[in-house]
Every structure is written in C-alpha cells, then in structure tokens.
C-alpha atoms as a PDB file:
ATOM      1  CA  MET A   1     158.802  16.843  12.367  1.00  0.00           C
ATOM      2  CA  THR A   2     156.137  15.392  14.578  1.00  0.00           C
ATOM      3  CA  PRO A   3     154.243  13.013  12.290  1.00  0.00           C
ATOM      4  CA  LEU A   4     150.542  14.279  11.716  1.00  0.00           C
ATOM      5  CA  PHE A   5     149.022  11.000  10.933  1.00  0.00           C
ATOM      6  CA  ASP A   6     148.674   8.380  13.696  1.00  0.00           C
ATOM      7  CA  PHE A   7     149.774   4.648  11.764  1.00  0.00           C
ATOM      8  CA  THR A   8     148.138   2.601  14.213  1.00  0.00           C
ATOM      9  CA  ALA A   9     144.887   4.697  14.555  1.00  0.00           C
ATOM     10  CA  THR A  10     145.269   4.741  10.418  1.00  0.00           C
ATOM     11  CA  ASN A  11     145.227   0.325  10.490  1.00  0.00           C
ATOM     12  CA  ARG A  12     142.569   0.327  13.424  1.00  0.00           C
ATOM     13  CA  ALA A  13     140.099   2.902  10.985  1.00  0.00           C
ATOM     14  CA  GLN A  14     140.701   0.447   8.131  1.00  0.00           C
ATOM     15  CA  GLU A  15     140.327  -2.851  10.027  1.00  0.00           C
ATOM     16  CA  ARG A  16     136.835  -1.533  11.305  1.00  0.00           C
ATOM     17  CA  ALA A  17     136.044  -0.296   7.994  1.00  0.00           C
ATOM     18  CA  ARG A  18     136.315  -3.870   6.622  1.00  0.00           C
ATOM     19  CA  ARG A  19     134.249  -5.434   9.624  1.00  0.00           C
ATOM     20  CA  LEU A  20     131.563  -2.983   9.202  1.00  0.00           C
ATOM     21  CA  GLN A  21     131.154  -4.016   5.183  1.00  0.00           C
ATOM     22  CA  GLY A  22     129.589  -0.877   4.557  1.00  0.00           C
ATOM     23  CA  ASP A  23     128.036   1.090   1.045  1.00  0.00           C
ATOM     24  CA  THR A  24     131.775   2.386   0.701  1.00  0.00           C
ATOM     25  CA  PHE A  25     129.992   4.638  -2.467  1.00  0.00           C
ATOM     26  CA  LEU A  26     133.357   7.009  -2.528  1.00  0.00           C
ATOM     27  CA  PHE A  27     135.698   3.972  -3.183  1.00  0.00           C
ATOM     28  CA  ALA A  28     133.268   3.303  -6.164  1.00  0.00           C
ATOM     29  CA  ALA A  29     133.238   6.955  -7.852  1.00  0.00           C
ATOM     30  CA  ALA A  30     136.656   7.007  -7.224  1.00  0.00           C
ATOM     31  CA  ALA A  31     137.618   3.406  -8.939  1.00  0.00           C
ATOM     32  CA  GLU A  32     134.827   4.733 -11.564  1.00  0.00           C
ATOM     33  CA  GLY A  33     137.036   8.231 -12.113  1.00  0.00           C
ATOM     34  CA  LEU A  34     140.254   6.205 -12.556  1.00  0.00           C
ATOM     35  CA  ALA A  35     138.605   3.840 -14.514  1.00  0.00           C
ATOM     36  CA  ASP A  36     137.665   6.954 -17.064  1.00  0.00           C
ATOM     37  CA  ARG A  37     141.118   8.324 -16.812  1.00  0.00           C
ATOM     38  CA  LEU A  38     142.955   5.163 -17.656  1.00  0.00           C
ATOM     39  CA  GLY A  39     140.506   4.869 -20.659  1.00  0.00           C
ATOM     40  CA  ALA A  40     141.769   8.041 -22.213  1.00  0.00           C
ATOM     41  CA  VAL A  41     145.407   6.691 -21.954  1.00  0.00           C
ATOM     42  CA  THR A  42     145.796   4.482 -25.539  1.00  0.00           C
ATOM     43  CA  ARG A  43     148.680   2.516 -24.667  1.00  0.00           C
ATOM     44  CA  LYS A  44     148.917  -0.934 -22.746  1.00  0.00           C
ATOM     45  CA  PHE A  45     150.622  -1.472 -19.510  1.00  0.00           C
ATOM     46  CA  SER A  46     152.245  -5.151 -18.611  1.00  0.00           C
ATOM     47  CA  HIS A  47     152.843  -4.824 -15.079  1.00  0.00           C
ATOM     48  CA  GLY A  48     150.634  -2.305 -12.732  1.00  0.00           C
ATOM     49  CA  LEU A  49     151.352  -1.514  -9.285  1.00  0.00           C
ATOM     50  CA  TRP A  50     148.172  -1.207  -6.801  1.00  0.00           C
ATOM     51  CA  VAL A  51     148.635   0.602  -3.532  1.00  0.00           C
ATOM     52  CA  GLY A  52     146.233  -1.325  -1.358  1.00  0.00           C
ATOM     53  CA  ASP A  53     144.552  -4.699  -0.493  1.00  0.00           C
ATOM     54  CA  SER A  54     142.890  -5.455  -3.518  1.00  0.00           C
ATOM     55  CA  VAL A  55     142.771  -4.470  -7.151  1.00  0.00           C
ATOM     56  CA  PRO A  56     138.608  -3.569  -8.105  1.00  0.00           C
ATOM     57  CA  GLU A  57     137.533  -5.330 -10.476  1.00  0.00           C
ATOM     58  CA  MET A  58     136.754  -2.574 -13.012  1.00  0.00           C
ATOM     59  CA  LEU A  59     140.712  -1.548 -13.259  1.00  0.00           C
ATOM     60  CA  LYS A  60     141.757  -4.784 -13.443  1.00  0.00           C
ATOM     61  CA  PRO A  61     142.163  -5.326 -17.146  1.00  0.00           C
ATOM     62  CA  PHE A  62     143.973  -2.016 -17.608  1.00  0.00           C
ATOM     63  CA  ALA A  63     147.477  -4.119 -16.822  1.00  0.00           C
ATOM     64  CA  ALA A  64     148.410  -7.526 -18.190  1.00  0.00           C
ATOM     65  CA  ARG A  65     149.550  -8.357 -14.361  1.00  0.00           C
ATOM     66  CA  TRP A  66     149.155  -6.839 -11.236  1.00  0.00           C
ATOM     67  CA  SER A  67     151.437  -6.821  -7.846  1.00  0.00           C
ATOM     68  CA  LEU A  68     150.215  -5.340  -4.602  1.00  0.00           C
ATOM     69  CA  GLY A  69     152.223  -3.241  -2.658  1.00  0.00           C
ATOM     70  CA  ARG A  70     151.620  -1.121   0.642  1.00  0.00           C
ATOM     71  CA  PHE A  71     153.676   1.327   2.740  1.00  0.00           C
ATOM     72  CA  ASP A  72     154.660   0.275   6.243  1.00  0.00           C
ATOM     73  CA  ALA A  73     155.222   1.751   9.532  1.00  0.00           C
ATOM     74  CA  ALA A  74     157.737   4.115   8.185  1.00  0.00           C
ATOM     75  CA  GLU A  75     156.572   4.923   5.228  1.00  0.00           C
ATOM     76  CA  GLN A  76     158.410   3.118   3.353  1.00  0.00           C
ATOM     77  CA  LEU A  77     157.114   1.379   0.139  1.00  0.00           C
ATOM     78  CA  LEU A  78     156.956  -2.309  -0.378  1.00  0.00           C
ATOM     79  CA  ALA A  79     157.081  -2.713  -3.930  1.00  0.00           C
ATOM     80  CA  ALA A  80     159.778  -3.640  -6.421  1.00  0.00           C
ATOM     81  CA  PRO A  81     161.747  -0.666  -7.663  1.00  0.00           C
ATOM     82  CA  GLY A  82     161.262   0.028 -11.776  1.00  0.00           C
ATOM     83  CA  ALA A  83     159.247  -2.825 -12.342  1.00  0.00           C
ATOM     84  CA  HIS A  84     155.826  -1.660 -12.984  1.00  0.00           C
ATOM     85  CA  ASP A  85     154.999   0.783 -15.790  1.00  0.00           C
ATOM     86  CA  LEU A  86     151.693   1.793 -13.892  1.00  0.00           C
ATOM     87  CA  ALA A  87     150.705   2.713 -10.551  1.00  0.00           C
ATOM     88  CA  ILE A  88     147.444   3.291  -8.967  1.00  0.00           C
ATOM     89  CA  SER A  89     146.550   4.715  -5.534  1.00  0.00           C
ATOM     90  CA  LEU A  90     142.667   4.252  -4.394  1.00  0.00           C
ATOM     91  CA  TYR A  91     143.014   6.835  -0.857  1.00  0.00           C
ATOM     92  CA  SER A  92     145.886   4.640  -0.062  1.00  0.00           C
ATOM     93  CA  LEU A  93     148.325   8.123   0.282  1.00  0.00           C
ATOM     94  CA  GLN A  94     145.322   9.711   2.553  1.00  0.00           C
ATOM     95  CA  ALA A  95     147.081   9.234   5.908  1.00  0.00           C
ATOM     96  CA  ILE A  96     150.553   9.412   4.774  1.00  0.00           C
ATOM     97  CA  ASN A  97     152.815  12.321   6.692  1.00  0.00           C
ATOM     98  CA  ASP A  98     155.590  12.746   3.860  1.00  0.00           C
ATOM     99  CA  LEU A  99     153.256  12.712   0.861  1.00  0.00           C
ATOM    100  CA  PRO A 100     156.292  14.226  -1.614  1.00  0.00           C
ATOM    101  CA  GLY A 101     158.472  11.483  -0.299  1.00  0.00           C
ATOM    102  CA  ALA A 102     155.778   8.371  -0.959  1.00  0.00           C
ATOM    103  CA  LEU A 103     155.076  10.019  -4.349  1.00  0.00           C
ATOM    104  CA  ALA A 104     158.756  10.296  -5.229  1.00  0.00           C
ATOM    105  CA  GLN A 105     158.836   6.540  -4.011  1.00  0.00           C
ATOM    106  CA  LEU A 106     156.224   5.281  -6.358  1.00  0.00           C
ATOM    107  CA  ARG A 107     157.921   7.252  -9.107  1.00  0.00           C
ATOM    108  CA  ARG A 108     161.099   4.887  -8.489  1.00  0.00           C
ATOM    109  CA  ALA A 109     158.562   1.950  -8.714  1.00  0.00           C
ATOM    110  CA  LEU A 110     157.850   3.029 -12.409  1.00  0.00           C
ATOM    111  CA  ASN A 111     160.015   2.237 -14.985  1.00  0.00           C
ATOM    112  CA  PRO A 112     160.810   5.585 -17.526  1.00  0.00           C
ATOM    113  CA  ASP A 113     157.675   6.758 -19.050  1.00  0.00           C
ATOM    114  CA  GLY A 114     155.621   4.818 -16.505  1.00  0.00           C
ATOM    115  CA  LEU A 115     152.099   6.164 -15.399  1.00  0.00           C
ATOM    116  CA  ILE A 116     150.809   7.098 -11.902  1.00  0.00           C
ATOM    117  CA  LEU A 117     147.251   7.692 -11.056  1.00  0.00           C
ATOM    118  CA  ALA A 118     146.058   8.490  -7.385  1.00  0.00           C
ATOM    119  CA  ALA A 119     142.674   9.895  -6.006  1.00  0.00           C
ATOM    120  CA  LEU A 120     143.055  11.433  -2.444  1.00  0.00           C
ATOM    121  CA  LEU A 121     140.516  13.472  -0.637  1.00  0.00           C
ATOM    122  CA  GLY A 122     141.053  17.226  -1.651  1.00  0.00           C
ATOM    123  CA  GLY A 123     140.542  20.128   0.911  1.00  0.00           C
ATOM    124  CA  ASP A 124     136.596  20.649   0.596  1.00  0.00           C
ATOM    125  CA  THR A 125     135.743  17.535   2.033  1.00  0.00           C
ATOM    126  CA  LEU A 126     133.781  17.431   5.343  1.00  0.00           C
ATOM    127  CA  LYS A 127     133.715  21.603   5.400  1.00  0.00           C
ATOM    128  CA  GLU A 128     130.366  21.334   6.850  1.00  0.00           C
ATOM    129  CA  LEU A 129     131.278  19.017   9.555  1.00  0.00           C
ATOM    130  CA  ARG A 130     134.299  20.787  10.378  1.00  0.00           C
ATOM    131  CA  GLU A 131     132.889  24.137  10.796  1.00  0.00           C
ATOM    132  CA  ALA A 132     129.945  22.531  12.849  1.00  0.00           C
ATOM    133  CA  LEU A 133     132.416  20.690  15.185  1.00  0.00           C
ATOM    134  CA  ALA A 134     135.030  23.793  15.595  1.00  0.00           C
ATOM    135  CA  GLU A 135     131.588  26.042  16.091  1.00  0.00           C
ATOM    136  CA  GLY A 136     130.596  23.392  18.958  1.00  0.00           C
ATOM    137  CA  GLU A 137     133.937  23.354  20.545  1.00  0.00           C
ATOM    138  CA  SER A 138     134.264  27.064  20.008  1.00  0.00           C
ATOM    139  CA  LEU A 139     130.795  27.518  22.241  1.00  0.00           C
ATOM    140  CA  THR A 140     130.794  24.952  24.926  1.00  0.00           C
ATOM    141  CA  ARG A 141     134.800  24.941  25.713  1.00  0.00           C
ATOM    142  CA  GLY A 142     135.960  27.948  24.744  1.00  0.00           C
ATOM    143  CA  GLY A 143     138.574  26.633  22.149  1.00  0.00           C
ATOM    144  CA  ILE A 144     139.192  23.382  19.388  1.00  0.00           C
ATOM    145  CA  SER A 145     140.545  20.636  18.615  1.00  0.00           C
ATOM    146  CA  PRO A 146     141.576  18.855  15.757  1.00  0.00           C
ATOM    147  CA  ARG A 147     138.187  16.480  15.187  1.00  0.00           C
ATOM    148  CA  VAL A 148     138.352  15.759  11.407  1.00  0.00           C
ATOM    149  CA  SER A 149     141.505  15.227   9.394  1.00  0.00           C
ATOM    150  CA  PRO A 150     142.863  17.801   6.842  1.00  0.00           C
ATOM    151  CA  PHE A 151     142.525  17.420   2.899  1.00  0.00           C
ATOM    152  CA  ALA A 152     145.358  18.992   0.884  1.00  0.00           C
ATOM    153  CA  ASP A 153     143.949  21.696  -2.122  1.00  0.00           C
ATOM    154  CA  VAL A 154     144.114  20.482  -5.760  1.00  0.00           C
ATOM    155  CA  ARG A 155     146.723  23.080  -6.279  1.00  0.00           C
ATOM    156  CA  GLU A 156     148.988  21.869  -3.440  1.00  0.00           C
ATOM    157  CA  LEU A 157     148.808  18.125  -4.268  1.00  0.00           C
ATOM    158  CA  GLY A 158     149.633  19.281  -8.320  1.00  0.00           C
ATOM    159  CA  ALA A 159     152.829  20.985  -7.012  1.00  0.00           C
ATOM    160  CA  LEU A 160     153.904  17.985  -5.011  1.00  0.00           C
ATOM    161  CA  LEU A 161     153.829  15.736  -8.285  1.00  0.00           C
ATOM    162  CA  SER A 162     156.427  18.045  -9.904  1.00  0.00           C
ATOM    163  CA  ARG A 163     158.288  18.197  -6.315  1.00  0.00           C
ATOM    164  CA  ALA A 164     158.706  14.347  -6.549  1.00  0.00           C
ATOM    165  CA  GLY A 165     160.223  14.099 -10.091  1.00  0.00           C
ATOM    166  CA  PHE A 166     157.323  13.280 -11.803  1.00  0.00           C
ATOM    167  CA  ALA A 167     157.011  14.666 -15.516  1.00  0.00           C
ATOM    168  CA  LEU A 168     153.267  15.817 -17.573  1.00  0.00           C
ATOM    169  CA  PRO A 169     151.136  16.461 -14.057  1.00  0.00           C
ATOM    170  CA  VAL A 170     148.029  16.929 -13.725  1.00  0.00           C
ATOM    171  CA  ALA A 171     145.124  17.255 -11.264  1.00  0.00           C
ATOM    172  CA  ASP A 172     141.536  17.812 -11.166  1.00  0.00           C
ATOM    173  CA  VAL A 173     138.746  17.618  -8.894  1.00  0.00           C
ATOM    174  CA  GLU A 174     135.347  15.975  -8.675  1.00  0.00           C
ATOM    175  CA  ARG A 175     133.130  17.128  -6.113  1.00  0.00           C
ATOM    176  CA  LEU A 176     129.912  15.110  -4.557  1.00  0.00           C
ATOM    177  CA  THR A 177     127.347  16.907  -2.059  1.00  0.00           C
ATOM    178  CA  VAL A 178     125.539  13.985  -0.191  1.00  0.00           C
ATOM    179  CA  ARG A 179     122.485  14.460   2.064  1.00  0.00           C
ATOM    180  CA  TYR A 180     122.641  13.001   5.331  1.00  0.00           C
ATOM    181  CA  GLY A 181     118.730  12.237   7.305  1.00  0.00           C
ATOM    182  CA  ASP A 182     120.650  12.481  10.224  1.00  0.00           C
ATOM    183  CA  PHE A 183     124.177  13.057  11.394  1.00  0.00           C
ATOM    184  CA  PHE A 184     124.859   9.601  12.816  1.00  0.00           C
ATOM    185  CA  SER A 185     124.445   8.203   9.086  1.00  0.00           C
ATOM    186  CA  LEU A 186     127.500  10.265   7.808  1.00  0.00           C
ATOM    187  CA  VAL A 187     129.068   9.091  10.816  1.00  0.00           C
ATOM    188  CA  HIS A 188     128.302   5.504  10.018  1.00  0.00           C
ATOM    189  CA  ASP A 189     129.632   6.374   6.293  1.00  0.00           C
ATOM    190  CA  LEU A 190     133.287   7.859   7.349  1.00  0.00           C
ATOM    191  CA  ARG A 191     133.615   4.810   9.632  1.00  0.00           C
ATOM    192  CA  ALA A 192     132.568   2.188   6.740  1.00  0.00           C
ATOM    193  CA  HIS A 193     135.421   3.768   4.863  1.00  0.00           C
ATOM    194  CA  GLY A 194     137.975   4.341   7.533  1.00  0.00           C
ATOM    195  CA  PHE A 195     138.100   7.895   6.929  1.00  0.00           C
ATOM    196  CA  THR A 196     137.659   8.737  10.640  1.00  0.00           C
ATOM    197  CA  ASN A 197     140.505  10.871  12.731  1.00  0.00           C
ATOM    198  CA  VAL A 198     143.730   9.155  12.831  1.00  0.00           C
ATOM    199  CA  LEU A 199     145.855  12.748  13.402  1.00  0.00           C
ATOM    200  CA  ARG A 200     148.245  12.237  16.034  1.00  0.00           C
ATOM    201  CA  GLU A 201     147.156  14.940  18.395  1.00  0.00           C
ATOM    202  CA  ARG A 202     143.499  14.233  18.220  1.00  0.00           C
ATOM    203  CA  SER A 203     141.727  14.271  21.517  1.00  0.00           C
ATOM    204  CA  ARG A 204     141.322  11.387  22.911  1.00  0.00           C
ATOM    205  CA  ALA A 205     138.273  12.387  25.260  1.00  0.00           C
ATOM    206  CA  PRO A 206     134.815  11.430  24.154  1.00  0.00           C
ATOM    207  CA  LEU A 207     133.211  13.915  22.486  1.00  0.00           C
ATOM    208  CA  ARG A 208     130.694  15.849  25.427  1.00  0.00           C
ATOM    209  CA  ARG A 209     127.140  15.713  25.023  1.00  0.00           C
ATOM    210  CA  ASP A 210     126.771  19.553  25.151  1.00  0.00           C
ATOM    211  CA  THR A 211     129.235  20.205  22.499  1.00  0.00           C
ATOM    212  CA  LEU A 212     127.875  17.562  20.339  1.00  0.00           C
ATOM    213  CA  ALA A 213     124.324  19.045  20.686  1.00  0.00           C
ATOM    214  CA  ALA A 214     125.833  22.569  19.859  1.00  0.00           C
ATOM    215  CA  ALA A 215     127.708  21.383  16.786  1.00  0.00           C
ATOM    216  CA  LEU A 216     124.652  19.698  15.283  1.00  0.00           C
ATOM    217  CA  ASP A 217     122.912  22.919  16.310  1.00  0.00           C
ATOM    218  CA  HIS A 218     124.958  24.461  14.146  1.00  0.00           C
ATOM    219  CA  TYR A 219     125.272  21.923  11.272  1.00  0.00           C
ATOM    220  CA  ALA A 220     121.504  21.886  11.213  1.00  0.00           C
ATOM    221  CA  GLN A 221     121.215  25.926  10.768  1.00  0.00           C
ATOM    222  CA  ALA A 222     123.496  26.038   8.567  1.00  0.00           C
ATOM    223  CA  HIS A 223     124.087  23.079   6.316  1.00  0.00           C
ATOM    224  CA  GLY A 224     120.584  21.570   6.705  1.00  0.00           C
ATOM    225  CA  THR A 225     117.746  21.603   4.136  1.00  0.00           C
ATOM    226  CA  ASP A 226     114.437  20.067   4.591  1.00  0.00           C
ATOM    227  CA  GLY A 227     115.459  18.440   7.616  1.00  0.00           C
ATOM    228  CA  ARG A 228     118.435  16.564   6.202  1.00  0.00           C
ATOM    229  CA  LEU A 229     122.418  17.593   6.306  1.00  0.00           C
ATOM    230  CA  ALA A 230     125.299  18.643   3.359  1.00  0.00           C
ATOM    231  CA  ALA A 231     127.838  16.741   3.742  1.00  0.00           C
ATOM    232  CA  THR A 232     130.641  17.855   0.624  1.00  0.00           C
ATOM    233  CA  PHE A 233     133.417  15.282  -0.707  1.00  0.00           C
ATOM    234  CA  GLU A 234     136.216  16.298  -2.850  1.00  0.00           C
ATOM    235  CA  THR A 235     138.207  13.609  -4.667  1.00  0.00           C
ATOM    236  CA  VAL A 236     141.519  15.036  -6.246  1.00  0.00           C
ATOM    237  CA  PHE A 237     142.896  12.942  -9.155  1.00  0.00           C
ATOM    238  CA  LEU A 238     146.330  13.187  -9.668  1.00  0.00           C
ATOM    239  CA  THR A 239     147.940  12.091 -13.416  1.00  0.00           C
ATOM    240  CA  ALA A 240     151.384  12.289 -13.986  1.00  0.00           C
ATOM    241  CA  TRP A 241     154.771  10.039 -15.743  1.00  0.00           C
ATOM    242  CA  SER A 242     157.996   9.005 -14.708  1.00  0.00           C
ATOM    243  CA  PRO A 243     160.458  10.999 -16.952  1.00  0.00           C
ATOM    244  CA  HIS A 244     161.514   9.598 -20.309  1.00  0.00           C
ATOM    245  CA  GLU A 245     163.180  11.476 -23.368  1.00  0.00           C
ATOM    246  CA  SER A 246     160.344  10.197 -26.012  1.00  0.00           C
ATOM    247  CA  GLN A 247     157.997  13.091 -23.915  1.00  0.00           C
ATOM    248  CA  GLN A 248     157.105  16.420 -25.106  1.00  0.00           C
ATOM    249  CA  GLN A 249     159.289  19.015 -23.763  1.00  0.00           C
ATOM    250  CA  PRO A 250     158.623  22.874 -23.021  1.00  0.00           C
ATOM    251  CA  LEU A 251     160.581  25.046 -25.524  1.00  0.00           C
ATOM    252  CA  ARG A 252     163.539  27.307 -23.717  1.00  0.00           C
ATOM    253  CA  PRO A 253     162.444  30.759 -23.487  1.00  0.00           C
ATOM    254  CA  GLY A 254     163.334  32.497 -26.667  1.00  0.00           C
ATOM    255  CA  SER A 255     163.812  29.837 -29.265  1.00  0.00           C
ATOM    256  CA  ALA A 256     160.248  30.038 -30.585  1.00  0.00           C
ATOM    257  CA  ARG A 257     160.503  30.271 -34.432  1.00  0.00           C
ATOM    258  CA  ALA A 258     157.228  31.389 -35.024  1.00  0.00           C
ATOM    259  CA  ARG A 259     155.448  35.207 -34.704  1.00  0.00           C
ATOM    260  CA  LEU A 260     152.692  35.077 -32.120  1.00  0.00           C
ATOM    261  CA  ALA A 261     150.798  37.662 -34.483  1.00  0.00           C
ATOM    262  CA  ASP A 262     150.994  35.634 -37.660  1.00  0.00           C
ATOM    263  CA  ALA A 263     149.500  32.721 -36.204  1.00  0.00           C
ATOM    264  CA  LEU A 264     146.444  35.362 -34.511  1.00  0.00           C
ATOM    265  CA  GLY A 265     146.557  37.154 -38.532  1.00  0.00           C
ATOM    266  CA  THR A 266     147.039  40.249 -36.850  1.00  0.00           C
ATOM    267  CA  THR A 267     149.782  43.064 -36.878  1.00  0.00           C
ATOM    268  CA  GLU A 268     152.588  43.646 -34.101  1.00  0.00           C
ATOM    269  CA  ASN A 269     152.819  47.008 -33.167  1.00  0.00           C
ATOM    270  CA  PRO A 270     155.662  47.598 -31.089  1.00  0.00           C
ATOM    271  CA  LEU A 271     155.348  49.325 -27.746  1.00  0.00           C
ATOM    272  CA  GLU A 272     156.791  53.004 -27.371  1.00  0.00           C
ATOM    273  CA  ARG A 273     159.563  53.567 -25.116  1.00  0.00           C
ATOM    274  CA  ARG A 274     159.408  55.944 -22.628  1.00  0.00           C
ATOM    275  CA  PRO A 275     161.672  58.499 -21.376  1.00  0.00           C
ATOM    276  CA  GLY A 276     163.973  56.848 -18.565  1.00  0.00           C
ATOM    277  CA  LYS A 277     163.018  53.534 -19.969  1.00  0.00           C
ATOM    278  CA  THR A 278     165.797  51.327 -21.601  1.00  0.00           C
END
C-alpha cells in the first residue's frame, strides 16, 4: 500500500516549527487535556514513555521517570518493549501511515495494565480551510488537489484502540474555534505547530494567485465574521489500557443473574407470539 504521509516532509515541517518558536497554543491545550485525564487516574506510574522530543513540565510529575521514544522512517517504535506502565503521545502519531500498527507497538511497549494516552487532531480540524481551498481550486483549475492532511474521525480512532489490542478504550473530543484577523496568521500558526501539508501526493507547485484569491473570497464569505476568519481545531483524546486479568471483563450473553424488571421496579410482560413465529 502506498504511504499516505511523507516522512521527510514531516521532519522538515517539525524542524521549521522548532526554528519559528511560535505560539503553540494547541500543544499547550492538549497537554493540559492529557494532564486532566491523568489526574483522574488514582494509581502512580513508575516509568513513562513519551513519544516525542521532550516531556512538558506539567506532565513530568505523573511518572517517577521518563524515557523518550519515537517512530523511525520505517515506523518502528524505538523504545524498550514491556518496560513502561504509561505511554503518552501529543500529536506525535499525526503523520503515521500505519496507525493501527503504531498503536500495537505502543501496547507492546507497555507492561500489563499499562496506560496509553494520546492526542490527535480530529476530523473537523481545519474544515473551513479545506472547504475554501477546494472551492478555490474548483473555480480556477477545474479540480482539487490534496492541500490539507486528512484527520481521523473520533469513532474510527476509538475502534483502532480495540484493533490494536487495548482494553477499556475511550475516545473523547475537545473543540476549539480560533478567529484570525487574516489568512496568513492562520498559516503562520500551522507552521509553528508543524501542521503543514506532508501528504506524499501533495502538489509541489505553488498555489496560484487566482486560486488563492478565490479560496480567500470563499473563506471570507462562508466563514468570516466582522472581518475575522474562523478556524476549527478538534483534538481527540485516546485512553486505553494494556490487557490484564485484573481488569473488568464484559459478562457473557445470557449470564446475568438479576432481572432488569426487578432493578427498575416494574412488571415484566412477555411478548405475545404471533402466528407463524417461533
């Protein structure tokens, strides 16, 4: 299968983001969201795995010690297997081609009953920009090209946790709408976060002036208010545990020992069988 994302382009985007040192407000908000979810867990973690360059200060207290891990060009996780009881990813899985495989590798890096927390951009992220660019290219070029990287739906991401072998999976969403004074401020913020187009099949040609003008006109008409442009950012938080026998297990169908009617304090009325039905 042809890879969707370009590993070299991803590294270039991240390196440019480090040079810009802009306001990475999305990282800060997502780190706070991860901290909130970790704060609700009563257990203490001894060895955390951070998938990325450095652990944010607000997350360091949640594990006694940390190791740094990353995915290489072959999307192999560079981390010791079975050595961690906590693994956290803050947007570092965003440009992974084999996301189910990456999650499975993270599960193997955890010991039994270890916790994974991950933040990824969700499906509604930059929906206004995607719509405007598609409209601009349709009007000026008669077709569209991949200008914005795709983002997964929250239900899809939740299902991937189970597919990767995790137990007790949970996926929830936080949305943020930012209003920009101009289009280029949005572009600057995307570059500061490293969230530029890293698709392998992206167009290498610069965006034509007439295409950009048509896109900006649509953006202002459809998503502008008082001269400001709305941009939606959606973060999906994934939480799950590596399997362990101590965890709650679903009951087998038909194994219940109490009647629902008794719990609800109602009378159970059997359904009448219709002729021809058994």
